[in-house]
Amino acid sequence: LATLEDALALEPEHVSAYGLTLEEGTPLERDWSAGRFSLPEDDEQERMYLEGIRLLAAHGLEQYEISNYARPGFFSRHNMGYWTGADYLGLGPAATSTLEGRRWTDTPDQTRWQADIDAGRPDHDAEAITPRIRLEERLMLSLRTCAGFELAEYTSLSGRDFMADHGDWCRELVAAGLARPDGDRLALTPQGLLVSNAVVADLFERLDELGL
């Protein structure tokens, strides 16, 4: 909270506040594994997250995604493009692009990438984004946002009714305080956003059971 107070003193239009992920093999991860420092337990991380949301909101920064907060009109257009499923073009080694139902990633090798560019040929094979992949991505990405998933999109992508398929499951989430009823959308609460990966994994298993 003190760190956030210092950041808020700068009057930012946007704040990203992510939980720390220790990458395997880094000096920081090795120090942690060796017991040279400790990290907050899950319960403490949850308290930090929820208190951070309240503090940022009190200063006029609205949460719009798991780890992002902004004043009105300052949501990240770059990130919102990913979360809403917009097409994007990546340029350069290792860049990924998604355009018109296809996705590809350029080689990370600088020399090979430059040679292919000079020769005027692509260095990738495009992958078709199947209806199932598209449905999974829309569910996963939109449930990261506070606006949630538009139920009509489920019908357009699967030909089925979301509440008919998952109504009981949704009501269980609401009863557990992980989701909120929002008319034509499914949106997670702050507590639900903390466990969104588990919620999405559970939903994917349900899609498998339905044969989608």
Protein backbone atom coordinates (compact mmCIF):
# COMPACT_ATOMS: atom_id res chain seq x y z
CA LEU A 1 0.00 0.00 0.00
CA ALA A 2 2.89 2.35 0.72
CA THR A 3 4.32 1.60 -2.72
CA LEU A 4 0.95 2.36 -4.32
CA GLU A 5 0.69 5.59 -2.33
CA ASP A 6 4.09 6.63 -3.73
CA ALA A 7 2.89 5.83 -7.26
CA LEU A 8 -0.40 7.69 -6.75
CA ALA A 9 1.50 10.79 -5.60
CA LEU A 10 2.66 11.08 -9.23
CA GLU A 11 -1.02 11.32 -10.33
CA PRO A 12 -0.79 8.65 -13.05
CA GLU A 13 -3.58 8.04 -15.54
CA HIS A 14 -2.85 4.29 -15.53
CA VAL A 15 -1.38 1.78 -13.08
CA SER A 16 -0.42 -1.86 -13.68
CA ALA A 17 0.01 -3.80 -10.44
CA TYR A 18 1.02 -7.41 -10.99
CA GLY A 19 1.75 -10.12 -8.50
CA LEU A 20 5.37 -11.24 -8.57
CA THR A 21 6.17 -14.32 -10.64
CA LEU A 22 9.53 -15.93 -9.95
CA GLU A 23 11.02 -17.20 -13.20
CA GLU A 24 12.86 -20.50 -12.87
CA GLY A 25 16.62 -20.23 -13.14
CA THR A 26 16.86 -16.52 -12.35
CA PRO A 27 19.05 -15.25 -9.47
CA LEU A 28 15.92 -14.09 -7.64
CA GLU A 29 14.33 -17.53 -7.89
CA ARG A 30 17.54 -19.20 -6.72
CA ASP A 31 17.77 -16.86 -3.72
CA TRP A 32 14.16 -17.65 -2.81
CA SER A 33 14.73 -21.41 -3.20
CA ALA A 34 17.78 -21.10 -0.94
CA GLY A 35 15.64 -19.41 1.73
CA ARG A 36 17.41 -16.05 1.52
CA PHE A 37 14.07 -14.25 1.53
CA SER A 38 10.38 -15.11 1.84
CA LEU A 39 7.29 -14.14 -0.10
CA PRO A 40 3.78 -13.41 1.19
CA GLU A 41 1.52 -16.40 1.69
CA ASP A 42 -1.62 -16.71 -0.47
CA ASP A 43 -3.92 -15.18 2.16
CA GLU A 44 -1.64 -12.17 2.55
CA GLN A 45 -1.37 -11.74 -1.22
CA GLU A 46 -5.17 -11.77 -1.43
CA ARG A 47 -5.42 -9.04 1.22
CA MET A 48 -2.79 -6.96 -0.59
CA TYR A 49 -4.68 -7.33 -3.87
CA LEU A 50 -8.11 -6.40 -2.50
CA GLU A 51 -6.79 -3.49 -0.42
CA GLY A 52 -4.88 -2.28 -3.47
CA ILE A 53 -8.09 -2.26 -5.53
CA ARG A 54 -9.83 -0.18 -2.84
CA LEU A 55 -6.95 2.29 -2.57
CA LEU A 56 -6.68 2.79 -6.33
CA ALA A 57 -10.45 3.20 -6.64
CA ALA A 58 -10.40 5.83 -3.91
CA HIS A 59 -7.96 7.79 -6.09
CA GLY A 60 -10.14 7.53 -9.19
CA LEU A 61 -8.42 4.59 -10.92
CA GLU A 62 -10.95 1.98 -12.00
CA GLN A 63 -9.96 -1.66 -12.22
CA TYR A 64 -10.68 -2.90 -15.74
CA GLU A 65 -8.56 -6.08 -15.87
CA ILE A 66 -6.97 -8.39 -13.31
CA SER A 67 -3.89 -6.23 -12.81
CA ASN A 68 -4.71 -2.94 -14.56
CA TYR A 69 -6.36 0.25 -13.36
CA ALA A 70 -7.01 3.54 -15.12
CA ARG A 71 -8.83 6.84 -15.03
CA PRO A 72 -11.78 7.17 -17.46
CA GLY A 73 -10.54 7.30 -21.04
CA PHE A 74 -7.11 5.84 -20.25
CA PHE A 75 -7.63 2.08 -20.60
CA SER A 76 -4.68 0.58 -22.49
CA ARG A 77 -5.73 0.31 -26.14
CA HIS A 78 -2.90 -2.17 -26.76
CA ASN A 79 -3.99 -4.59 -24.05
CA MET A 80 -7.70 -4.10 -24.71
CA GLY A 81 -7.04 -5.23 -28.27
CA TYR A 82 -5.82 -8.60 -26.99
CA TRP A 83 -8.55 -8.96 -24.38
CA THR A 84 -11.35 -8.19 -26.85
CA GLY A 85 -10.01 -10.51 -29.55
CA ALA A 86 -8.96 -7.85 -32.07
CA ASP A 87 -6.57 -8.67 -34.91
CA TYR A 88 -2.98 -7.53 -34.44
CA LEU A 89 0.17 -7.44 -36.54
CA GLY A 90 3.57 -8.23 -35.00
CA LEU A 91 6.73 -7.07 -36.77
CA GLY A 92 10.22 -8.41 -36.11
CA PRO A 93 11.93 -11.56 -34.81
CA ALA A 94 9.71 -13.65 -32.50
CA ALA A 95 6.70 -11.38 -33.17
CA THR A 96 3.27 -13.04 -33.26
CA SER A 97 0.42 -11.88 -35.49
CA THR A 98 -3.27 -12.79 -35.57
CA LEU A 99 -5.12 -11.73 -38.72
CA GLU A 100 -8.33 -12.90 -40.38
CA GLY A 101 -8.56 -16.20 -38.51
CA ARG A 102 -4.86 -17.11 -38.84
CA ARG A 103 -1.95 -16.87 -36.42
CA TRP A 104 1.79 -17.08 -36.91
CA THR A 105 5.02 -16.30 -35.07
CA ASP A 106 8.19 -15.11 -36.80
CA THR A 107 11.46 -16.88 -36.09
CA PRO A 108 13.36 -15.58 -33.06
CA ASP A 109 16.61 -15.95 -35.01
CA GLN A 110 17.66 -12.45 -36.13
CA THR A 111 19.87 -13.64 -39.00
CA ARG A 112 17.27 -15.99 -40.45
CA TRP A 113 14.52 -13.41 -40.04
CA GLN A 114 16.58 -10.76 -41.87
CA ALA A 115 17.46 -13.19 -44.68
CA ASP A 116 13.81 -14.08 -45.20
CA ILE A 117 12.82 -10.42 -45.23
CA ASP A 118 15.55 -9.59 -47.74
CA ALA A 119 14.36 -12.46 -49.95
CA GLY A 120 10.77 -11.22 -49.76
CA ARG A 121 9.39 -14.44 -48.32
CA PRO A 122 7.64 -15.18 -45.02
CA ASP A 123 9.44 -17.34 -42.51
CA HIS A 124 6.38 -18.82 -40.89
CA ASP A 125 3.51 -21.22 -41.37
CA ALA A 126 0.17 -19.77 -40.38
CA GLU A 127 -2.07 -21.73 -38.00
CA ALA A 128 -5.81 -21.64 -38.57
CA ILE A 129 -7.73 -20.53 -35.50
CA THR A 130 -10.44 -23.16 -35.15
CA PRO A 131 -13.88 -22.37 -33.66
CA ARG A 132 -12.88 -24.20 -30.44
CA ILE A 133 -9.63 -22.24 -30.12
CA ARG A 134 -11.50 -19.01 -30.78
CA LEU A 135 -14.12 -19.86 -28.15
CA GLU A 136 -11.47 -20.78 -25.55
CA GLU A 137 -9.51 -17.62 -26.19
CA ARG A 138 -12.56 -15.40 -25.96
CA LEU A 139 -13.58 -17.00 -22.67
CA MET A 140 -10.07 -16.90 -21.19
CA LEU A 141 -9.25 -13.34 -22.22
CA SER A 142 -12.59 -11.68 -21.58
CA LEU A 143 -12.86 -13.26 -18.12
CA ARG A 144 -9.61 -11.47 -17.26
CA THR A 145 -11.50 -8.20 -17.67
CA CYS A 146 -13.97 -6.66 -15.27
CA ALA A 147 -16.50 -6.34 -18.10
CA GLY A 148 -16.52 -10.12 -18.48
CA PHE A 149 -17.73 -12.38 -21.27
CA GLU A 150 -20.71 -11.52 -23.45
CA LEU A 151 -23.03 -14.55 -23.43
CA ALA A 152 -24.25 -13.88 -26.98
CA GLU A 153 -20.69 -14.45 -28.19
CA TYR A 154 -20.86 -18.01 -26.91
CA THR A 155 -23.89 -18.60 -29.12
CA SER A 156 -22.24 -17.05 -32.16
CA LEU A 157 -19.11 -19.20 -31.72
CA SER A 158 -20.70 -22.50 -30.65
CA GLY A 159 -24.32 -22.36 -31.79
CA ARG A 160 -25.42 -23.13 -28.24
CA ASP A 161 -26.94 -21.22 -25.32
CA PHE A 162 -24.47 -20.42 -22.54
CA MET A 163 -26.92 -20.53 -19.63
CA ALA A 164 -28.48 -23.75 -20.88
CA ASP A 165 -25.02 -25.32 -20.93
CA HIS A 166 -23.53 -23.71 -17.82
CA GLY A 167 -26.33 -22.07 -15.80
CA ASP A 168 -25.93 -24.24 -12.69
CA TRP A 169 -22.16 -23.72 -12.78
CA CYS A 170 -22.63 -19.95 -13.01
CA ARG A 171 -24.98 -19.94 -10.06
CA GLU A 172 -22.39 -21.85 -8.02
CA LEU A 173 -19.80 -19.19 -8.86
CA VAL A 174 -22.19 -16.43 -7.78
CA ALA A 175 -23.02 -18.24 -4.53
CA ALA A 176 -19.28 -18.57 -3.80
CA GLY A 177 -18.75 -14.84 -4.39
CA LEU A 178 -16.58 -15.47 -7.46
CA ALA A 179 -18.94 -14.05 -10.11
CA ARG A 180 -21.72 -11.52 -10.26
CA PRO A 181 -25.00 -11.72 -12.17
CA ASP A 182 -24.74 -9.15 -14.93
CA GLY A 183 -27.62 -9.71 -17.33
CA ASP A 184 -26.17 -10.73 -20.66
CA ARG A 185 -22.57 -11.13 -19.42
CA LEU A 186 -20.56 -13.35 -17.09
CA ALA A 187 -18.14 -11.25 -15.05
CA LEU A 188 -15.89 -12.28 -12.17
CA THR A 189 -15.68 -10.41 -8.88
CA PRO A 190 -12.28 -9.27 -7.54
CA GLN A 191 -12.18 -12.52 -5.56
CA GLY A 192 -13.01 -14.42 -8.74
CA LEU A 193 -10.30 -12.66 -10.71
CA LEU A 194 -7.78 -13.96 -8.16
CA VAL A 195 -8.65 -17.53 -9.19
CA SER A 196 -9.59 -16.85 -12.81
CA ASN A 197 -7.16 -19.48 -14.12
CA ALA A 198 -8.97 -22.17 -12.13
CA VAL A 199 -12.39 -20.85 -13.21
CA VAL A 200 -11.37 -20.90 -16.88
CA ALA A 201 -9.81 -24.38 -16.60
CA ASP A 202 -13.06 -25.66 -15.10
CA LEU A 203 -15.02 -24.07 -17.93
CA PHE A 204 -12.73 -25.66 -20.55
CA GLU A 205 -13.40 -29.08 -18.98
CA ARG A 206 -17.11 -28.41 -19.35
CA LEU A 207 -16.60 -27.63 -23.03
CA ASP A 208 -14.84 -30.99 -23.42
CA GLU A 209 -17.74 -32.76 -21.74
CA LEU A 210 -20.14 -31.08 -24.18
CA GLY A 211 -18.01 -32.17 -27.12
CA LEU A 212 -17.40 -28.63 -28.33
